[in-house]
C-alpha atoms as a PDB file:
ATOM      1  CA  MET A   1      36.892  -9.565 -50.127  1.00  0.00           C
ATOM      2  CA  GLN A   2      35.239  -7.938 -47.135  1.00  0.00           C
ATOM      3  CA  SER A   3      32.065  -5.994 -47.885  1.00  0.00           C
ATOM      4  CA  ARG A   4      32.273  -2.207 -47.597  1.00  0.00           C
ATOM      5  CA  LEU A   5      28.609  -1.995 -46.718  1.00  0.00           C
ATOM      6  CA  PRO A   6      27.850  -0.815 -43.174  1.00  0.00           C
ATOM      7  CA  LEU A   7      27.311  -3.496 -40.563  1.00  0.00           C
ATOM      8  CA  GLY A   8      26.134  -3.498 -36.982  1.00  0.00           C
ATOM      9  CA  GLU A   9      28.691  -3.789 -34.216  1.00  0.00           C
ATOM     10  CA  GLU A  10      29.940  -7.264 -33.403  1.00  0.00           C
ATOM     11  CA  VAL A  11      28.271  -8.690 -30.317  1.00  0.00           C
ATOM     12  CA  PRO A  12      30.112 -11.166 -28.078  1.00  0.00           C
ATOM     13  CA  TRP A  13      26.833 -12.812 -27.301  1.00  0.00           C
ATOM     14  CA  ARG A  14      25.655 -15.651 -25.131  1.00  0.00           C
ATOM     15  CA  PRO A  15      21.879 -16.303 -25.310  1.00  0.00           C
ATOM     16  CA  ALA A  16      19.834 -15.020 -22.386  1.00  0.00           C
ATOM     17  CA  ARG A  17      18.115 -17.391 -19.990  1.00  0.00           C
ATOM     18  CA  THR A  18      14.456 -18.317 -20.285  1.00  0.00           C
ATOM     19  CA  PRO A  19      12.402 -16.952 -17.368  1.00  0.00           C
ATOM     20  CA  THR A  20      10.585 -19.310 -15.035  1.00  0.00           C
ATOM     21  CA  GLY A  21       7.769 -18.811 -12.567  1.00  0.00           C
ATOM     22  CA  VAL A  22      10.074 -18.211  -9.595  1.00  0.00           C
ATOM     23  CA  PRO A  23       8.295 -15.547  -7.511  1.00  0.00           C
ATOM     24  CA  LEU A  24       9.515 -11.941  -7.481  1.00  0.00           C
ATOM     25  CA  GLN A  25       9.440 -10.400  -4.020  1.00  0.00           C
ATOM     26  CA  GLY A  26       9.654  -6.684  -3.391  1.00  0.00           C
ATOM     27  CA  SER A  27       8.975  -4.453  -0.408  1.00  0.00           C
ATOM     28  CA  HIS A  28       5.461  -3.629  -1.586  1.00  0.00           C
ATOM     29  CA  VAL A  29       4.465  -6.376  -4.003  1.00  0.00           C
ATOM     30  CA  LEU A  30       4.792 -10.102  -4.621  1.00  0.00           C
ATOM     31  CA  LEU A  31       4.637 -11.569  -8.123  1.00  0.00           C
ATOM     32  CA  ARG A  32       3.909 -15.286  -8.091  1.00  0.00           C
ATOM     33  CA  PRO A  33       2.540 -17.879 -10.521  1.00  0.00           C
ATOM     34  CA  ILE A  34      -1.208 -17.919 -11.187  1.00  0.00           C
ATOM     35  CA  ALA A  35      -3.228 -20.197  -8.890  1.00  0.00           C
ATOM     36  CA  PRO A  36      -6.602 -20.433 -10.698  1.00  0.00           C
ATOM     37  CA  ASP A  37      -8.715 -21.827  -7.844  1.00  0.00           C
ATOM     38  CA  ALA A  38      -7.449 -19.293  -5.303  1.00  0.00           C
ATOM     39  CA  ASP A  39      -7.114 -16.323  -7.638  1.00  0.00           C
ATOM     40  CA  ALA A  40     -10.303 -16.334  -9.718  1.00  0.00           C
ATOM     41  CA  GLN A  41     -12.593 -14.681  -7.168  1.00  0.00           C
ATOM     42  CA  PRO A  42     -10.230 -11.911  -5.934  1.00  0.00           C
ATOM     43  CA  LEU A  43      -9.031 -11.111  -9.459  1.00  0.00           C
ATOM     44  CA  PHE A  44     -12.603 -10.931 -10.722  1.00  0.00           C
ATOM     45  CA  ALA A  45     -13.573  -8.624  -7.854  1.00  0.00           C
ATOM     46  CA  ALA A  46     -10.552  -6.364  -8.473  1.00  0.00           C
ATOM     47  CA  SER A  47     -11.299  -5.980 -12.189  1.00  0.00           C
ATOM     48  CA  HIS A  48     -15.101  -5.803 -12.459  1.00  0.00           C
ATOM     49  CA  PRO A  49     -17.896  -3.676 -10.958  1.00  0.00           C
ATOM     50  CA  PRO A  50     -18.611  -2.623  -8.314  1.00  0.00           C
ATOM     51  CA  LEU A  51     -14.951  -2.236  -7.272  1.00  0.00           C
ATOM     52  CA  ALA A  52     -13.529  -1.613 -10.736  1.00  0.00           C
ATOM     53  CA  ASP A  53     -14.552  -0.386 -14.149  1.00  0.00           C
ATOM     54  CA  SER A  54     -14.681  -3.300 -16.584  1.00  0.00           C
ATOM     55  CA  ALA A  55     -13.141  -0.944 -19.172  1.00  0.00           C
ATOM     56  CA  ILE A  56      -9.855  -2.289 -17.812  1.00  0.00           C
ATOM     57  CA  TRP A  57     -10.353  -5.109 -20.350  1.00  0.00           C
ATOM     58  CA  THR A  58     -10.960  -2.877 -23.385  1.00  0.00           C
ATOM     59  CA  TYR A  59      -7.546  -3.321 -24.979  1.00  0.00           C
ATOM     60  CA  LEU A  60      -6.793  -6.849 -23.773  1.00  0.00           C
ATOM     61  CA  PRO A  61      -7.537  -9.813 -26.074  1.00  0.00           C
ATOM     62  CA  TYR A  62      -9.941 -11.316 -23.509  1.00  0.00           C
ATOM     63  CA  GLY A  63     -12.477 -10.112 -20.945  1.00  0.00           C
ATOM     64  CA  PRO A  64     -14.486  -8.692 -19.374  1.00  0.00           C
ATOM     65  CA  PHE A  65     -15.880 -11.855 -17.837  1.00  0.00           C
ATOM     66  CA  GLU A  66     -19.398 -12.758 -16.779  1.00  0.00           C
ATOM     67  CA  SER A  67     -18.321 -14.298 -13.485  1.00  0.00           C
ATOM     68  CA  ALA A  68     -15.369 -15.503 -11.453  1.00  0.00           C
ATOM     69  CA  GLU A  69     -16.021 -18.973 -12.855  1.00  0.00           C
ATOM     70  CA  ASP A  70     -15.719 -17.553 -16.364  1.00  0.00           C
ATOM     71  CA  LEU A  71     -12.422 -15.883 -15.473  1.00  0.00           C
ATOM     72  CA  HIS A  72     -11.243 -19.147 -13.922  1.00  0.00           C
ATOM     73  CA  GLY A  73     -11.109 -20.742 -17.361  1.00  0.00           C
ATOM     74  CA  MET A  74      -8.742 -18.075 -18.627  1.00  0.00           C
ATOM     75  CA  LEU A  75      -6.581 -18.442 -15.500  1.00  0.00           C
ATOM     76  CA  VAL A  76      -6.283 -22.209 -16.002  1.00  0.00           C
ATOM     77  CA  SER A  77      -4.849 -21.547 -19.447  1.00  0.00           C
ATOM     78  CA  ALA A  78      -2.576 -18.814 -18.076  1.00  0.00           C
ATOM     79  CA  ALA A  79      -1.251 -21.057 -15.313  1.00  0.00           C
ATOM     80  CA  THR A  80      -0.001 -23.641 -17.810  1.00  0.00           C
ATOM     81  CA  SER A  81       1.463 -21.156 -20.311  1.00  0.00           C
ATOM     82  CA  ALA A  82       5.224 -20.706 -20.655  1.00  0.00           C
ATOM     83  CA  ASP A  83       4.943 -17.821 -23.140  1.00  0.00           C
ATOM     84  CA  PRO A  84       3.237 -15.673 -22.010  1.00  0.00           C
ATOM     85  CA  LEU A  85       4.548 -16.474 -18.533  1.00  0.00           C
ATOM     86  CA  TYR A  86       1.936 -15.016 -16.195  1.00  0.00           C
ATOM     87  CA  PHE A  87       2.241 -13.727 -12.640  1.00  0.00           C
ATOM     88  CA  ALA A  88      -0.446 -12.727 -10.152  1.00  0.00           C
ATOM     89  CA  LEU A  89       0.300  -9.408  -8.412  1.00  0.00           C
ATOM     90  CA  LEU A  90      -0.255  -9.215  -4.660  1.00  0.00           C
ATOM     91  CA  ALA A  91       0.010  -5.723  -3.208  1.00  0.00           C
ATOM     92  CA  MET A  92       1.477  -7.167  -0.023  1.00  0.00           C
ATOM     93  CA  PRO A  93       2.734 -10.687   0.626  1.00  0.00           C
ATOM     94  CA  GLY A  94      -0.171 -12.755   1.863  1.00  0.00           C
ATOM     95  CA  ALA A  95      -2.764 -10.353   0.455  1.00  0.00           C
ATOM     96  CA  ALA A  96      -5.260 -11.201  -2.268  1.00  0.00           C
ATOM     97  CA  PRO A  97      -4.096 -10.819  -5.875  1.00  0.00           C
ATOM     98  CA  LYS A  98      -5.257  -7.600  -7.542  1.00  0.00           C
ATOM     99  CA  GLY A  99      -3.620  -7.719 -10.950  1.00  0.00           C
ATOM    100  CA  ILE A 100      -1.674  -9.668 -13.545  1.00  0.00           C
ATOM    101  CA  ALA A 101       1.520  -9.187 -15.557  1.00  0.00           C
ATOM    102  CA  SER A 102       3.548 -11.441 -17.798  1.00  0.00           C
ATOM    103  CA  TYR A 103       6.679 -11.953 -19.796  1.00  0.00           C
ATOM    104  CA  LEU A 104       5.917 -12.783 -23.426  1.00  0.00           C
ATOM    105  CA  ARG A 105       7.486 -13.041 -26.875  1.00  0.00           C
ATOM    106  CA  ILE A 106      10.466 -14.493 -25.061  1.00  0.00           C
ATOM    107  CA  THR A 107      13.424 -14.749 -27.456  1.00  0.00           C
ATOM    108  CA  PRO A 108      16.562 -15.763 -25.539  1.00  0.00           C
ATOM    109  CA  GLN A 109      18.705 -16.242 -28.660  1.00  0.00           C
ATOM    110  CA  PHE A 110      18.422 -12.528 -29.470  1.00  0.00           C
ATOM    111  CA  GLY A 111      18.071 -11.289 -25.904  1.00  0.00           C
ATOM    112  CA  VAL A 112      14.608  -9.806 -26.423  1.00  0.00           C
ATOM    113  CA  ILE A 113      11.677 -10.115 -24.026  1.00  0.00           C
ATOM    114  CA  GLU A 114       8.410  -8.222 -23.552  1.00  0.00           C
ATOM    115  CA  VAL A 115       6.253  -7.344 -20.561  1.00  0.00           C
ATOM    116  CA  GLY A 116       2.542  -7.393 -21.277  1.00  0.00           C
ATOM    117  CA  HIS A 117      -0.941  -8.640 -20.429  1.00  0.00           C
ATOM    118  CA  ILE A 118      -0.607  -6.100 -17.637  1.00  0.00           C
ATOM    119  CA  TRP A 119      -3.577  -4.885 -15.651  1.00  0.00           C
ATOM    120  CA  PHE A 120      -3.691  -3.294 -12.235  1.00  0.00           C
ATOM    121  CA  GLY A 121      -7.049  -3.745 -10.540  1.00  0.00           C
ATOM    122  CA  ALA A 122      -8.800  -1.930  -7.719  1.00  0.00           C
ATOM    123  CA  GLY A 123      -6.418  -1.433  -4.821  1.00  0.00           C
ATOM    124  CA  LEU A 124      -3.323  -1.838  -7.000  1.00  0.00           C
ATOM    125  CA  ALA A 125      -3.622   0.750  -9.777  1.00  0.00           C
ATOM    126  CA  ARG A 126      -1.568   3.932  -9.211  1.00  0.00           C
ATOM    127  CA  THR A 127       0.220   2.494  -6.173  1.00  0.00           C
ATOM    128  CA  THR A 128       3.850   2.036  -5.200  1.00  0.00           C
ATOM    129  CA  ALA A 129       3.278  -1.714  -5.502  1.00  0.00           C
ATOM    130  CA  ALA A 130       2.289  -1.407  -9.174  1.00  0.00           C
ATOM    131  CA  THR A 131       5.443   0.541 -10.008  1.00  0.00           C
ATOM    132  CA  GLU A 132       7.604  -1.868  -8.055  1.00  0.00           C
ATOM    133  CA  ALA A 133       6.115  -4.776 -10.033  1.00  0.00           C
ATOM    134  CA  ILE A 134       7.434  -3.294 -13.287  1.00  0.00           C
ATOM    135  CA  TYR A 135      10.817  -2.621 -11.676  1.00  0.00           C
ATOM    136  CA  LEU A 136      11.087  -6.228 -10.495  1.00  0.00           C
ATOM    137  CA  LEU A 137      10.218  -7.610 -13.935  1.00  0.00           C
ATOM    138  CA  ALA A 138      12.786  -5.334 -15.582  1.00  0.00           C
ATOM    139  CA  ARG A 139      15.476  -6.103 -13.021  1.00  0.00           C
ATOM    140  CA  ARG A 140      15.077  -9.839 -13.472  1.00  0.00           C
ATOM    141  CA  ALA A 141      15.113  -9.543 -17.275  1.00  0.00           C
ATOM    142  CA  PHE A 142      18.313  -7.506 -17.395  1.00  0.00           C
ATOM    143  CA  ASP A 143      20.277  -8.318 -14.249  1.00  0.00           C
ATOM    144  CA  GLU A 144      19.408 -11.976 -13.701  1.00  0.00           C
ATOM    145  CA  LEU A 145      18.491 -13.364 -17.127  1.00  0.00           C
ATOM    146  CA  GLY A 146      20.797 -11.324 -19.352  1.00  0.00           C
ATOM    147  CA  TYR A 147      18.399  -9.767 -21.884  1.00  0.00           C
ATOM    148  CA  ARG A 148      19.463  -6.898 -24.140  1.00  0.00           C
ATOM    149  CA  ARG A 149      16.015  -5.460 -24.787  1.00  0.00           C
ATOM    150  CA  LEU A 150      12.768  -5.244 -22.796  1.00  0.00           C
ATOM    151  CA  GLU A 151       9.697  -4.317 -24.839  1.00  0.00           C
ATOM    152  CA  TRP A 152       6.307  -2.813 -24.048  1.00  0.00           C
ATOM    153  CA  LYS A 153       3.621  -2.853 -26.744  1.00  0.00           C
ATOM    154  CA  CYS A 154       0.045  -1.626 -26.653  1.00  0.00           C
ATOM    155  CA  ASP A 155      -2.831  -0.518 -28.825  1.00  0.00           C
ATOM    156  CA  ALA A 156      -1.876   2.879 -30.228  1.00  0.00           C
ATOM    157  CA  LEU A 157      -5.267   4.170 -29.028  1.00  0.00           C
ATOM    158  CA  ASN A 158      -4.568   3.090 -25.447  1.00  0.00           C
ATOM    159  CA  ALA A 159      -3.445   6.427 -24.021  1.00  0.00           C
ATOM    160  CA  ALA A 160      -3.209   5.107 -20.469  1.00  0.00           C
ATOM    161  CA  SER A 161      -0.814   2.310 -21.462  1.00  0.00           C
ATOM    162  CA  ARG A 162       1.308   4.627 -23.596  1.00  0.00           C
ATOM    163  CA  ASN A 163       1.591   7.105 -20.727  1.00  0.00           C
ATOM    164  CA  ALA A 164       2.482   4.280 -18.341  1.00  0.00           C
ATOM    165  CA  ALA A 165       5.226   2.993 -20.650  1.00  0.00           C
ATOM    166  CA  GLU A 166       6.883   6.406 -20.759  1.00  0.00           C
ATOM    167  CA  ARG A 167       6.434   6.926 -17.030  1.00  0.00           C
ATOM    168  CA  PHE A 168       8.185   3.585 -16.425  1.00  0.00           C
ATOM    169  CA  GLY A 169      11.161   4.681 -18.536  1.00  0.00           C
ATOM    170  CA  PHE A 170      10.413   2.942 -21.839  1.00  0.00           C
ATOM    171  CA  THR A 171      11.358   4.808 -25.025  1.00  0.00           C
ATOM    172  CA  PHE A 172       8.732   5.203 -27.751  1.00  0.00           C
ATOM    173  CA  GLU A 173       9.931   3.648 -31.016  1.00  0.00           C
ATOM    174  CA  GLY A 174       6.986   4.063 -33.389  1.00  0.00           C
ATOM    175  CA  ILE A 175       3.668   2.651 -34.614  1.00  0.00           C
ATOM    176  CA  PHE A 176       3.166  -0.640 -36.454  1.00  0.00           C
ATOM    177  CA  ARG A 177       0.080   0.033 -38.569  1.00  0.00           C
ATOM    178  CA  LYS A 178      -2.513  -2.709 -39.012  1.00  0.00           C
ATOM    179  CA  HIS A 179      -0.429  -4.938 -36.782  1.00  0.00           C
ATOM    180  CA  LEU A 180      -3.169  -7.095 -35.235  1.00  0.00           C
ATOM    181  CA  ILE A 181      -6.896  -7.773 -35.152  1.00  0.00           C
ATOM    182  CA  VAL A 182      -8.149  -7.855 -31.552  1.00  0.00           C
ATOM    183  CA  LYS A 183     -11.768  -8.618 -30.693  1.00  0.00           C
ATOM    184  CA  GLY A 184     -12.667  -8.102 -34.337  1.00  0.00           C
ATOM    185  CA  ARG A 185     -11.106  -4.628 -34.547  1.00  0.00           C
ATOM    186  CA  ASN A 186      -7.933  -3.307 -36.151  1.00  0.00           C
ATOM    187  CA  ARG A 187      -5.030  -2.639 -33.822  1.00  0.00           C
ATOM    188  CA  ASP A 188      -2.199  -0.315 -34.685  1.00  0.00           C
ATOM    189  CA  THR A 189       0.517  -1.106 -32.150  1.00  0.00           C
ATOM    190  CA  ALA A 190       2.706   1.403 -30.305  1.00  0.00           C
ATOM    191  CA  TRP A 191       6.188   0.033 -29.558  1.00  0.00           C
ATOM    192  CA  PHE A 192       8.338   1.003 -26.583  1.00  0.00           C
ATOM    193  CA  ALA A 193      11.554  -0.494 -25.238  1.00  0.00           C
ATOM    194  CA  ILE A 194      14.333  -0.274 -22.686  1.00  0.00           C
ATOM    195  CA  THR A 195      17.755  -1.526 -23.783  1.00  0.00           C
ATOM    196  CA  ASP A 196      20.535  -2.906 -21.657  1.00  0.00           C
ATOM    197  CA  GLU A 197      22.664   0.249 -21.906  1.00  0.00           C
ATOM    198  CA  GLN A 198      19.727   2.327 -20.645  1.00  0.00           C
ATOM    199  CA  TRP A 199      18.887   0.012 -17.785  1.00  0.00           C
ATOM    200  CA  PRO A 200      21.627   0.826 -15.218  1.00  0.00           C
ATOM    201  CA  ALA A 201      20.548   4.484 -14.994  1.00  0.00           C
ATOM    202  CA  LEU A 202      16.870   3.530 -14.918  1.00  0.00           C
ATOM    203  CA  ARG A 203      17.544   0.968 -12.188  1.00  0.00           C
ATOM    204  CA  HIS A 204      19.156   3.640 -10.027  1.00  0.00           C
ATOM    205  CA  GLY A 205      16.197   5.937 -10.676  1.00  0.00           C
ATOM    206  CA  TYR A 206      13.693   3.254  -9.682  1.00  0.00           C
ATOM    207  CA  GLU A 207      15.631   2.402  -6.550  1.00  0.00           C
ATOM    208  CA  ALA A 208      15.876   6.054  -5.548  1.00  0.00           C
ATOM    209  CA  TRP A 209      12.132   6.444  -6.029  1.00  0.00           C
ATOM    210  CA  LEU A 210      11.314   3.245  -4.101  1.00  0.00           C
ATOM    211  CA  ALA A 211      13.604   4.144  -1.191  1.00  0.00           C
ATOM    212  CA  PRO A 212      11.703   4.675   2.097  1.00  0.00           C
ATOM    213  CA  ALA A 213      13.194   8.175   2.350  1.00  0.00           C
ATOM    214  CA  ASN A 214      11.235   9.193  -0.754  1.00  0.00           C
ATOM    215  CA  PHE A 215       7.927   8.813   1.093  1.00  0.00           C
ATOM    216  CA  ASP A 216       6.555  10.828   3.976  1.00  0.00           C
ATOM    217  CA  THR A 217       4.797   9.361   7.014  1.00  0.00           C
ATOM    218  CA  ASP A 218       1.509   9.280   5.086  1.00  0.00           C
ATOM    219  CA  GLY A 219       3.090   7.343   2.226  1.00  0.00           C
ATOM    220  CA  LYS A 220       3.065  10.321  -0.149  1.00  0.00           C
ATOM    221  CA  GLN A 221       5.982  10.504  -2.567  1.00  0.00           C
ATOM    222  CA  ARG A 222       8.415  13.368  -2.143  1.00  0.00           C
ATOM    223  CA  ARG A 223       9.699  13.094  -5.722  1.00  0.00           C
ATOM    224  CA  SER A 224       7.927  11.554  -8.690  1.00  0.00           C
ATOM    225  CA  LEU A 225       9.212   8.529 -10.560  1.00  0.00           C
ATOM    226  CA  GLY A 226       9.715  10.747 -13.594  1.00  0.00           C
ATOM    227  CA  GLU A 227      11.950  13.087 -11.612  1.00  0.00           C
ATOM    228  CA  SER A 228      13.970  10.203 -10.202  1.00  0.00           C
ATOM    229  CA  LEU A 229      14.468   8.577 -13.606  1.00  0.00           C
ATOM    230  CA  HIS A 230      15.391  11.905 -15.220  1.00  0.00           C
ATOM    231  CA  GLU A 231      17.997  12.667 -12.568  1.00  0.00           C
ATOM    232  CA  ALA A 232      19.463   9.163 -12.877  1.00  0.00           C
ATOM    233  CA  ARG A 233      19.749   9.562 -16.659  1.00  0.00           C
ATOM    234  CA  GLN A 234      21.473  12.925 -16.228  1.00  0.00           C
ATOM    235  CA  ARG A 235      24.037  11.408 -13.885  1.00  0.00           C
ATOM    236  CA  ALA A 236      24.753   8.417 -16.134  1.00  0.00           C
END
């Protein structure tokens, strides 16, 4: 006898593909695998004084670092990791790396993947390149690899990360209390996600925002990302 209890919809499902370190190339940013020897010095400079505030490391499980050599050790580990799968962020192809992002908690059998370990250093934070990096990661996850759900998680006290998640189109889903212990301190975790049915509208919003016509001759945006995403959702 078939149960009368409610069940989720049936899913004609084929597992998603596991991401690899194939570079992601945009108009403003290049995401490529970590190269510890080449990247340690520019990444250290972009994320530590005098160019940057070392508070960038406050909510990450590592850092700040004493020197580029100290950071190099972390990058060696990152370069050989498959999950998280790290990328260096170069504001323009051929430029020095100024940030890091990764895929992590990669679960192809359920179609779930997360973006995290994200930091935008001096010269990358609050730029078109930084936004395009998130767009490229999302586009690959949904359009190329076939994921159903893209997650963003952060310390619930990390207001900047929570604001960024919402700006990038992620939906807030709640707080996991006493979720982790990071650097000896409790972490309540804020959860955000984009699902596959939300993505087509968000993709159109990102592409409208990134279009050259959205920027004046000084590179100033004519419409904000929030406005572009909102309009795309309304049209969907």
